[in-house]
Each structure stands twice: as C-alpha cells, then as structure tokens.
Amino acid sequence: MKMKNVEKIMEQVQVFASAWSLVGSPFDSGDQLEQAEEEKAELQEMVKTMALEQPAIGIIDPDYARIYTQARIIAWQYGYSCCAQGSFTRDLDLLLVPWTDGATKEIGGIIAYIADVCGLRIQGAPSDKPHGRQAWTLLLPGF
C-alpha cells in the first residue's frame, strides 16, 4: 500500500477515534454516536477501496486448493501425476509427470483442458525447457 494511502487511513482513524471519544461525554450533543458510526463507516469504506486498488498477488485459499484439486484430478485421468510449485502469484506452476504406462502423449490437450476447467488463461505457446520439457503459462484471473 502506498504511503499516501496509509496516511489517509491514519487520518480517518484519528477522526473516528475522536468522534468515538466524545460519545456520552459532556460534549455530546445527542448525535455523537451517530457521528462516530458514520466516521467508522467512512474508515471501513476507505480501507476496502484502497485494498481493492492493490494488485493481486497470489491466490487466496480456497481458490488455490480448488484449482490444484481440479488440475490434479484431470491429470490423473490422463495418466499423469500433478505437483504444484513456484511462487503462486500471477500464474500457477504445475508439474505434470507421466505416471502410468497408458499416459496420454498429447500433453497440450491436457493443459488446455485444465485451463478451461479451472478458469485459467493460457498465455502464448509453450516454451522449451531443458531435458525435453515444455512449459505453458496458465494465468490466474486478473492477470
């Protein structure tokens, strides 16, 4: 969060705290509780708005668990083991390893199916990696 946003939130915290401190005091003109509640609502809205302005970083359980579970089940249906690794930020790093003698040879179709079922978007063509591996980038929603 940017420092100017932190400062705005801190200012509103002070306004809310000041309003709340006057509730029931000799300086309460009868509407101070209502005023304090309004300041609290303003603070909550400010925090919510600023939180939504932050770039998405990572995925939030249970969404991560849902995506991995779906990918793992799909991979298993085609004879692959599926492991998750990486930073878990803008994309999901899945490692698919042929696990059975009958593992499907056409991995691209499995990747496309996983992306479709899990709500992910394939970014570009696969890239070649060492040892004959290929890598696809499956972007999470919002990227």
C-alpha atoms as a PDB file:
ATOM      1  CA  MET A   1       0.000   0.000   0.000  1.00  0.00           C
ATOM      2  CA  LYS A   2       1.300   3.418  -0.912  1.00  0.00           C
ATOM      3  CA  MET A   3       2.407   5.681   1.917  1.00  0.00           C
ATOM      4  CA  LYS A   4      -0.116   8.398   0.988  1.00  0.00           C
ATOM      5  CA  ASN A   5      -2.895   5.809   1.378  1.00  0.00           C
ATOM      6  CA  VAL A   6      -1.569   4.806   4.793  1.00  0.00           C
ATOM      7  CA  GLU A   7      -1.563   8.469   5.816  1.00  0.00           C
ATOM      8  CA  LYS A   8      -5.170   8.922   4.634  1.00  0.00           C
ATOM      9  CA  ILE A   9      -6.260   5.877   6.594  1.00  0.00           C
ATOM     10  CA  MET A  10      -4.414   7.089   9.705  1.00  0.00           C
ATOM     11  CA  GLU A  11      -6.121  10.482   9.428  1.00  0.00           C
ATOM     12  CA  GLN A  12      -9.527   8.822   9.225  1.00  0.00           C
ATOM     13  CA  VAL A  13      -8.642   6.587  12.190  1.00  0.00           C
ATOM     14  CA  GLN A  14      -7.972   9.744  14.201  1.00  0.00           C
ATOM     15  CA  VAL A  15     -11.279  11.282  13.090  1.00  0.00           C
ATOM     16  CA  PHE A  16     -13.132   8.103  14.053  1.00  0.00           C
ATOM     17  CA  ALA A  17     -11.324   7.822  17.409  1.00  0.00           C
ATOM     18  CA  SER A  18     -12.046  11.473  18.210  1.00  0.00           C
ATOM     19  CA  ALA A  19     -15.714  11.086  17.321  1.00  0.00           C
ATOM     20  CA  TRP A  20     -15.984   7.923  19.401  1.00  0.00           C
ATOM     21  CA  SER A  21     -14.256   9.531  22.393  1.00  0.00           C
ATOM     22  CA  LEU A  22     -16.998  12.176  22.533  1.00  0.00           C
ATOM     23  CA  VAL A  23     -19.865   9.657  22.736  1.00  0.00           C
ATOM     24  CA  GLY A  24     -21.607  10.112  26.097  1.00  0.00           C
ATOM     25  CA  SER A  25     -19.259  12.902  27.139  1.00  0.00           C
ATOM     26  CA  PRO A  26     -20.332  16.372  28.242  1.00  0.00           C
ATOM     27  CA  PHE A  27     -19.544  17.489  24.682  1.00  0.00           C
ATOM     28  CA  ASP A  28     -22.025  15.002  23.148  1.00  0.00           C
ATOM     29  CA  SER A  29     -24.910  16.994  21.702  1.00  0.00           C
ATOM     30  CA  GLY A  30     -27.025  13.871  21.366  1.00  0.00           C
ATOM     31  CA  ASP A  31     -25.896  12.766  17.937  1.00  0.00           C
ATOM     32  CA  GLN A  32     -22.294  11.817  18.667  1.00  0.00           C
ATOM     33  CA  LEU A  33     -22.902   8.057  18.469  1.00  0.00           C
ATOM     34  CA  GLU A  34     -24.425   8.529  15.022  1.00  0.00           C
ATOM     35  CA  GLN A  35     -21.451  10.696  14.013  1.00  0.00           C
ATOM     36  CA  ALA A  36     -18.995   8.091  15.310  1.00  0.00           C
ATOM     37  CA  GLU A  37     -20.787   5.355  13.338  1.00  0.00           C
ATOM     38  CA  GLU A  38     -20.595   7.491  10.179  1.00  0.00           C
ATOM     39  CA  GLU A  39     -16.855   8.014  10.683  1.00  0.00           C
ATOM     40  CA  LYS A  40     -16.406   4.276  11.240  1.00  0.00           C
ATOM     41  CA  ALA A  41     -18.298   3.518   8.007  1.00  0.00           C
ATOM     42  CA  GLU A  42     -16.122   6.051   6.173  1.00  0.00           C
ATOM     43  CA  LEU A  43     -12.977   4.369   7.524  1.00  0.00           C
ATOM     44  CA  GLN A  44     -14.206   0.912   6.523  1.00  0.00           C
ATOM     45  CA  GLU A  45     -15.056   2.099   3.004  1.00  0.00           C
ATOM     46  CA  MET A  46     -11.663   3.785   2.680  1.00  0.00           C
ATOM     47  CA  VAL A  47      -9.798   0.632   3.728  1.00  0.00           C
ATOM     48  CA  LYS A  48     -11.915  -1.550   1.431  1.00  0.00           C
ATOM     49  CA  THR A  49     -11.412   0.780  -1.544  1.00  0.00           C
ATOM     50  CA  MET A  50      -7.662   1.016  -1.031  1.00  0.00           C
ATOM     51  CA  ALA A  51      -7.363  -2.735  -0.569  1.00  0.00           C
ATOM     52  CA  LEU A  52      -9.101  -3.277  -3.909  1.00  0.00           C
ATOM     53  CA  GLU A  53      -6.616  -0.907  -5.579  1.00  0.00           C
ATOM     54  CA  GLN A  54      -3.755  -3.207  -4.677  1.00  0.00           C
ATOM     55  CA  PRO A  55      -2.522  -5.507  -7.434  1.00  0.00           C
ATOM     56  CA  ALA A  56      -3.477  -9.112  -6.991  1.00  0.00           C
ATOM     57  CA  ILE A  57      -0.599 -11.118  -5.605  1.00  0.00           C
ATOM     58  CA  GLY A  58      -1.103 -14.772  -5.240  1.00  0.00           C
ATOM     59  CA  ILE A  59      -4.266 -16.681  -4.904  1.00  0.00           C
ATOM     60  CA  ILE A  60      -6.382 -16.964  -1.875  1.00  0.00           C
ATOM     61  CA  ASP A  61      -7.463 -20.257  -0.355  1.00  0.00           C
ATOM     62  CA  PRO A  62      -9.798 -21.925  -1.083  1.00  0.00           C
ATOM     63  CA  ASP A  63      -9.329 -20.861  -4.722  1.00  0.00           C
ATOM     64  CA  TYR A  64      -5.784 -22.234  -4.791  1.00  0.00           C
ATOM     65  CA  ALA A  65      -6.980 -25.535  -3.373  1.00  0.00           C
ATOM     66  CA  ARG A  66      -9.833 -25.674  -5.901  1.00  0.00           C
ATOM     67  CA  ILE A  67      -7.565 -25.055  -8.882  1.00  0.00           C
ATOM     68  CA  TYR A  68      -4.917 -27.536  -7.761  1.00  0.00           C
ATOM     69  CA  THR A  69      -7.506 -30.209  -6.950  1.00  0.00           C
ATOM     70  CA  GLN A  70      -9.182 -29.859 -10.334  1.00  0.00           C
ATOM     71  CA  ALA A  71      -5.834 -29.911 -12.172  1.00  0.00           C
ATOM     72  CA  ARG A  72      -4.669 -32.946 -10.202  1.00  0.00           C
ATOM     73  CA  ILE A  73      -7.844 -34.895 -10.961  1.00  0.00           C
ATOM     74  CA  ILE A  74      -7.712 -34.060 -14.673  1.00  0.00           C
ATOM     75  CA  ALA A  75      -4.031 -35.028 -14.888  1.00  0.00           C
ATOM     76  CA  TRP A  76      -4.721 -38.301 -13.073  1.00  0.00           C
ATOM     77  CA  GLN A  77      -7.489 -39.152 -15.573  1.00  0.00           C
ATOM     78  CA  TYR A  78      -4.896 -38.993 -18.366  1.00  0.00           C
ATOM     79  CA  GLY A  79      -2.198 -40.978 -16.531  1.00  0.00           C
ATOM     80  CA  TYR A  80      -0.208 -38.063 -15.081  1.00  0.00           C
ATOM     81  CA  SER A  81       0.801 -37.038 -11.605  1.00  0.00           C
ATOM     82  CA  CYS A  82       0.364 -33.317 -10.917  1.00  0.00           C
ATOM     83  CA  CYS A  83       2.506 -31.334  -8.489  1.00  0.00           C
ATOM     84  CA  ALA A  84       2.329 -27.613  -7.705  1.00  0.00           C
ATOM     85  CA  GLN A  85       5.405 -25.459  -7.158  1.00  0.00           C
ATOM     86  CA  GLY A  86       6.631 -21.904  -7.721  1.00  0.00           C
ATOM     87  CA  SER A  87       5.677 -18.502  -6.374  1.00  0.00           C
ATOM     88  CA  PHE A  88       1.880 -18.927  -6.595  1.00  0.00           C
ATOM     89  CA  THR A  89       1.422 -15.329  -7.690  1.00  0.00           C
ATOM     90  CA  ARG A  90       0.223 -14.376 -11.176  1.00  0.00           C
ATOM     91  CA  ASP A  91       0.299 -17.895 -12.548  1.00  0.00           C
ATOM     92  CA  LEU A  92       0.256 -21.448 -11.301  1.00  0.00           C
ATOM     93  CA  ASP A  93       3.292 -23.680 -11.806  1.00  0.00           C
ATOM     94  CA  LEU A  94       2.094 -27.234 -12.252  1.00  0.00           C
ATOM     95  CA  LEU A  95       4.424 -30.110 -12.961  1.00  0.00           C
ATOM     96  CA  LEU A  96       2.775 -32.950 -14.875  1.00  0.00           C
ATOM     97  CA  VAL A  97       4.725 -36.202 -14.854  1.00  0.00           C
ATOM     98  CA  PRO A  98       3.697 -39.289 -16.858  1.00  0.00           C
ATOM     99  CA  TRP A  99       2.757 -41.770 -14.138  1.00  0.00           C
ATOM    100  CA  THR A 100       1.226 -44.740 -15.883  1.00  0.00           C
ATOM    101  CA  ASP A 101       2.132 -46.795 -18.927  1.00  0.00           C
ATOM    102  CA  GLY A 102      -1.018 -45.505 -20.607  1.00  0.00           C
ATOM    103  CA  ALA A 103      -0.279 -41.798 -20.021  1.00  0.00           C
ATOM    104  CA  THR A 104      -1.566 -39.666 -22.882  1.00  0.00           C
ATOM    105  CA  LYS A 105       1.236 -38.465 -25.145  1.00  0.00           C
ATOM    106  CA  GLU A 106      -0.517 -35.233 -26.196  1.00  0.00           C
ATOM    107  CA  ILE A 107       0.103 -33.050 -23.142  1.00  0.00           C
ATOM    108  CA  GLY A 108      -1.075 -29.843 -24.846  1.00  0.00           C
ATOM    109  CA  GLY A 109      -4.669 -31.048 -24.823  1.00  0.00           C
ATOM    110  CA  ILE A 110      -4.473 -31.832 -21.114  1.00  0.00           C
ATOM    111  CA  ILE A 111      -3.075 -28.370 -20.406  1.00  0.00           C
ATOM    112  CA  ALA A 112      -5.889 -26.720 -22.396  1.00  0.00           C
ATOM    113  CA  TYR A 113      -8.471 -28.829 -20.556  1.00  0.00           C
ATOM    114  CA  ILE A 114      -7.008 -27.916 -17.157  1.00  0.00           C
ATOM    115  CA  ALA A 115      -7.009 -24.224 -18.095  1.00  0.00           C
ATOM    116  CA  ASP A 116     -10.621 -24.364 -19.278  1.00  0.00           C
ATOM    117  CA  VAL A 117     -11.972 -26.262 -16.262  1.00  0.00           C
ATOM    118  CA  CYS A 118     -10.001 -24.182 -13.737  1.00  0.00           C
ATOM    119  CA  GLY A 119     -10.806 -20.781 -15.239  1.00  0.00           C
ATOM    120  CA  LEU A 120      -7.203 -20.059 -16.193  1.00  0.00           C
ATOM    121  CA  ARG A 121      -5.918 -18.450 -19.385  1.00  0.00           C
ATOM    122  CA  ILE A 122      -3.066 -19.907 -21.428  1.00  0.00           C
ATOM    123  CA  GLN A 123      -0.549 -17.198 -22.298  1.00  0.00           C
ATOM    124  CA  GLY A 124       1.066 -17.875 -25.659  1.00  0.00           C
ATOM    125  CA  ALA A 125       2.675 -21.021 -26.944  1.00  0.00           C
ATOM    126  CA  PRO A 126       4.623 -23.423 -24.740  1.00  0.00           C
ATOM    127  CA  SER A 127       8.316 -22.743 -24.282  1.00  0.00           C
ATOM    128  CA  ASP A 128      11.019 -25.395 -24.481  1.00  0.00           C
ATOM    129  CA  LYS A 129      12.899 -26.223 -21.293  1.00  0.00           C
ATOM    130  CA  PRO A 130      15.939 -28.404 -20.506  1.00  0.00           C
ATOM    131  CA  HIS A 131      15.609 -32.210 -20.718  1.00  0.00           C
ATOM    132  CA  GLY A 132      12.870 -32.050 -23.360  1.00  0.00           C
ATOM    133  CA  ARG A 133      10.338 -30.400 -21.078  1.00  0.00           C
ATOM    134  CA  GLN A 134       7.814 -27.816 -22.207  1.00  0.00           C
ATOM    135  CA  ALA A 135       6.254 -25.035 -20.148  1.00  0.00           C
ATOM    136  CA  TRP A 136       2.872 -23.373 -20.557  1.00  0.00           C
ATOM    137  CA  THR A 137       1.881 -20.268 -18.621  1.00  0.00           C
ATOM    138  CA  LEU A 138      -1.606 -20.562 -17.124  1.00  0.00           C
ATOM    139  CA  LEU A 139      -2.579 -17.125 -15.880  1.00  0.00           C
ATOM    140  CA  LEU A 140      -4.866 -16.660 -12.917  1.00  0.00           C
ATOM    141  CA  PRO A 141      -7.933 -14.435 -13.320  1.00  0.00           C
ATOM    142  CA  GLY A 142      -6.998 -10.774 -13.176  1.00  0.00           C
ATOM    143  CA  PHE A 143      -3.640 -11.102 -14.943  1.00  0.00           C
END
